[in-house]
Amino acid sequence: MGWVCGFFPYFFGGLVPGFITAIVIYFASKPLVKAYQQRRRGRLMNKIKEIRDKREAEISKKDISK
């Protein structure tokens, strides 16, 4: 029963600051995550474009050599 008297005040006392901190961190990190995802999407699109260009160049080489 001794741990209950010590645990509950810390638990309930930490709920409000923890909840507020979670909200602040969420909204602070949201733009960072969005920027990272856009940058990653851009790199993937560039890579796909390079692969398509390379494939088209190989196909046009084969057509010319025929």
N, C-alpha and C. Protein backbone atom coordinates (compact mmCIF):
# COMPACT_ATOMS: atom_id res chain seq x y z
N MET A 1 0.82 -1.19 0.00
CA MET A 1 0.00 0.00 0.00
C MET A 1 0.87 1.26 0.00
N GLY A 2 2.12 1.11 0.38
CA GLY A 2 3.01 2.26 0.45
C GLY A 2 3.35 2.82 -0.92
N TRP A 3 3.45 1.94 -1.91
CA TRP A 3 3.80 2.43 -3.25
C TRP A 3 2.64 3.18 -3.89
N VAL A 4 1.40 2.84 -3.49
CA VAL A 4 0.22 3.54 -4.02
C VAL A 4 0.24 5.00 -3.58
N CYS A 5 0.58 5.24 -2.33
CA CYS A 5 0.61 6.61 -1.82
C CYS A 5 1.69 7.44 -2.52
N GLY A 6 2.73 6.81 -2.98
CA GLY A 6 3.80 7.54 -3.68
C GLY A 6 3.62 7.57 -5.18
N PHE A 7 2.95 6.57 -5.73
CA PHE A 7 2.83 6.46 -7.18
C PHE A 7 1.75 7.37 -7.75
N PHE A 8 0.59 7.36 -7.15
CA PHE A 8 -0.54 8.11 -7.72
C PHE A 8 -0.32 9.62 -7.80
N PRO A 9 0.26 10.25 -6.81
CA PRO A 9 0.50 11.70 -6.96
C PRO A 9 1.43 12.02 -8.13
N TYR A 10 2.47 11.22 -8.31
CA TYR A 10 3.38 11.46 -9.44
C TYR A 10 2.68 11.17 -10.77
N PHE A 11 1.87 10.13 -10.79
CA PHE A 11 1.15 9.76 -12.01
C PHE A 11 0.20 10.87 -12.44
N PHE A 12 -0.66 11.29 -11.53
CA PHE A 12 -1.64 12.33 -11.88
C PHE A 12 -0.98 13.69 -12.06
N GLY A 13 0.08 13.95 -11.33
CA GLY A 13 0.79 15.20 -11.47
C GLY A 13 1.54 15.30 -12.78
N GLY A 14 1.90 14.17 -13.37
CA GLY A 14 2.63 14.16 -14.63
C GLY A 14 1.74 14.10 -15.85
N LEU A 15 0.46 13.84 -15.66
CA LEU A 15 -0.46 13.74 -16.81
C LEU A 15 -0.60 15.06 -17.56
N VAL A 16 -0.86 16.13 -16.85
CA VAL A 16 -1.10 17.43 -17.50
C VAL A 16 0.16 17.94 -18.19
N PRO A 17 1.32 18.00 -17.50
CA PRO A 17 2.51 18.46 -18.21
C PRO A 17 2.91 17.52 -19.36
N GLY A 18 2.70 16.25 -19.19
CA GLY A 18 3.01 15.29 -20.25
C GLY A 18 2.12 15.48 -21.47
N PHE A 19 0.86 15.70 -21.22
CA PHE A 19 -0.09 15.92 -22.31
C PHE A 19 0.23 17.22 -23.06
N ILE A 20 0.52 18.27 -22.33
CA ILE A 20 0.88 19.55 -22.95
C ILE A 20 2.16 19.41 -23.76
N THR A 21 3.15 18.75 -23.20
CA THR A 21 4.42 18.55 -23.90
C THR A 21 4.23 17.72 -25.16
N ALA A 22 3.40 16.71 -25.10
CA ALA A 22 3.14 15.87 -26.28
C ALA A 22 2.51 16.68 -27.39
N ILE A 23 1.58 17.56 -27.05
CA ILE A 23 0.92 18.39 -28.07
C ILE A 23 1.93 19.35 -28.70
N VAL A 24 2.75 19.98 -27.88
CA VAL A 24 3.76 20.93 -28.39
C VAL A 24 4.75 20.22 -29.30
N ILE A 25 5.25 19.07 -28.89
CA ILE A 25 6.22 18.32 -29.69
C ILE A 25 5.59 17.84 -30.99
N TYR A 26 4.34 17.43 -30.94
CA TYR A 26 3.66 16.97 -32.15
C TYR A 26 3.60 18.08 -33.19
N PHE A 27 3.12 19.26 -32.78
CA PHE A 27 2.98 20.34 -33.74
C PHE A 27 4.33 20.92 -34.16
N ALA A 28 5.34 20.80 -33.32
CA ALA A 28 6.68 21.27 -33.68
C ALA A 28 7.34 20.33 -34.69
N SER A 29 7.07 19.04 -34.58
CA SER A 29 7.73 18.08 -35.46
C SER A 29 6.96 17.84 -36.76
N LYS A 30 5.71 18.23 -36.81
CA LYS A 30 4.89 17.97 -38.00
C LYS A 30 5.48 18.61 -39.26
N PRO A 31 5.91 19.89 -39.25
CA PRO A 31 6.52 20.46 -40.46
C PRO A 31 7.83 19.78 -40.84
N LEU A 32 8.59 19.33 -39.85
CA LEU A 32 9.85 18.64 -40.14
C LEU A 32 9.59 17.32 -40.86
N VAL A 33 8.61 16.59 -40.42
CA VAL A 33 8.27 15.31 -41.05
C VAL A 33 7.75 15.55 -42.46
N LYS A 34 6.93 16.57 -42.64
CA LYS A 34 6.40 16.87 -43.96
C LYS A 34 7.52 17.26 -44.93
N ALA A 35 8.47 18.08 -44.47
CA ALA A 35 9.60 18.46 -45.32
C ALA A 35 10.45 17.25 -45.69
N TYR A 36 10.68 16.37 -44.74
CA TYR A 36 11.46 15.16 -45.01
C TYR A 36 10.76 14.29 -46.04
N GLN A 37 9.46 14.11 -45.90
CA GLN A 37 8.73 13.26 -46.83
C GLN A 37 8.72 13.87 -48.23
N GLN A 38 8.59 15.19 -48.34
CA GLN A 38 8.63 15.82 -49.65
C GLN A 38 9.99 15.67 -50.30
N ARG A 39 11.06 15.86 -49.52
CA ARG A 39 12.41 15.70 -50.05
C ARG A 39 12.65 14.26 -50.50
N ARG A 40 12.19 13.32 -49.71
CA ARG A 40 12.35 11.91 -50.06
C ARG A 40 11.56 11.57 -51.32
N ARG A 41 10.33 12.08 -51.41
CA ARG A 41 9.51 11.85 -52.58
C ARG A 41 10.18 12.43 -53.83
N GLY A 42 10.77 13.61 -53.69
CA GLY A 42 11.48 14.24 -54.81
C GLY A 42 12.67 13.41 -55.27
N ARG A 43 13.43 12.89 -54.31
CA ARG A 43 14.58 12.05 -54.68
C ARG A 43 14.13 10.77 -55.38
N LEU A 44 13.04 10.17 -54.89
CA LEU A 44 12.53 8.96 -55.54
C LEU A 44 12.04 9.25 -56.95
N MET A 45 11.37 10.38 -57.13
CA MET A 45 10.89 10.75 -58.46
C MET A 45 12.06 10.98 -59.42
N ASN A 46 13.13 11.61 -58.92
CA ASN A 46 14.33 11.81 -59.75
C ASN A 46 14.95 10.48 -60.14
N LYS A 47 14.99 9.56 -59.20
CA LYS A 47 15.58 8.25 -59.47
C LYS A 47 14.75 7.51 -60.52
N ILE A 48 13.43 7.57 -60.39
CA ILE A 48 12.55 6.92 -61.36
C ILE A 48 12.74 7.55 -62.74
N LYS A 49 12.85 8.88 -62.79
CA LYS A 49 13.06 9.58 -64.06
C LYS A 49 14.38 9.16 -64.70
N GLU A 50 15.44 9.04 -63.90
CA GLU A 50 16.73 8.59 -64.43
C GLU A 50 16.63 7.18 -65.01
N ILE A 51 15.94 6.29 -64.31
CA ILE A 51 15.79 4.92 -64.79
C ILE A 51 15.00 4.91 -66.09
N ARG A 52 13.92 5.69 -66.19
CA ARG A 52 13.13 5.75 -67.42
C ARG A 52 13.96 6.31 -68.58
N ASP A 53 14.71 7.38 -68.29
CA ASP A 53 15.55 7.98 -69.34
C ASP A 53 16.60 7.00 -69.83
N LYS A 54 17.19 6.27 -68.90
CA LYS A 54 18.20 5.28 -69.27
C LYS A 54 17.58 4.17 -70.12
N ARG A 55 16.41 3.71 -69.73
CA ARG A 55 15.72 2.66 -70.47
C ARG A 55 15.36 3.15 -71.88
N GLU A 56 14.85 4.38 -71.98
CA GLU A 56 14.51 4.93 -73.28
C GLU A 56 15.74 5.10 -74.16
N ALA A 57 16.87 5.48 -73.57
CA ALA A 57 18.11 5.61 -74.33
C ALA A 57 18.56 4.26 -74.84
N GLU A 58 18.45 3.22 -74.03
CA GLU A 58 18.83 1.88 -74.47
C GLU A 58 17.93 1.40 -75.60
N ILE A 59 16.64 1.68 -75.47
CA ILE A 59 15.69 1.25 -76.52
C ILE A 59 15.99 1.99 -77.82
N SER A 60 16.26 3.30 -77.72
CA SER A 60 16.54 4.04 -78.95
C SER A 60 17.86 3.61 -79.57
N LYS A 61 18.83 3.18 -78.76
CA LYS A 61 20.09 2.65 -79.29
C LYS A 61 19.84 1.37 -80.08
N LYS A 62 18.99 0.52 -79.51
CA LYS A 62 18.68 -0.75 -80.19
C LYS A 62 17.95 -0.48 -81.50
N ASP A 63 17.06 0.48 -81.52
CA ASP A 63 16.32 0.80 -82.75
C ASP A 63 17.25 1.35 -83.82
N ILE A 64 18.23 2.15 -83.41
CA ILE A 64 19.18 2.75 -84.37
C ILE A 64 20.09 1.68 -84.94
N SER A 65 20.49 0.72 -84.10
CA SER A 65 21.44 -0.30 -84.55
C SER A 65 20.82 -1.33 -85.47
N LYS A 66 19.51 -1.38 -85.59
CA LYS A 66 18.85 -2.38 -86.43
C LYS A 66 18.97 -2.05 -87.87
